[in-house]
Amino acid sequence: MNVVNHTPFPAQNFEAVDQHGQRFHVFVLRQTLDLRRRDADGAPAYAAAQAPLSAAGALFTDAVGGVRQESDYCPFKPACDVIVNANAHAPGGVAERRE
């Protein structure tokens, strides 16, 4: 299969085999958004630098641990992944109580 990606996003296709031995094609694409910027409609804008496809999962290295991201090369995902890696800071660096 020869696929041409006309988007600015990293993408790739690959072939997989299901539990019945049937071959099928998978197409993966990753979009990176910049939550600090907004487009004309007020939605988060695409980041200037798009993150590459992840060939292997990655873990957080802090004491809490956990999965930072999973591999993009999964032959079946019934839904899409939404990963948010962010830091939150109070306005002006001063903690506020909000209820």
Foldseek 3Di string as FASTA:
>chain_A
DDDDDPDPWAKDKDWDADPVRDIDMDIFTDWAFDQVDADPVRHTHTDPDYDHFAQAWDWDPDPVIDTQGGGRPDPDDPDDDDGDDDDDADVVNDDDDDD
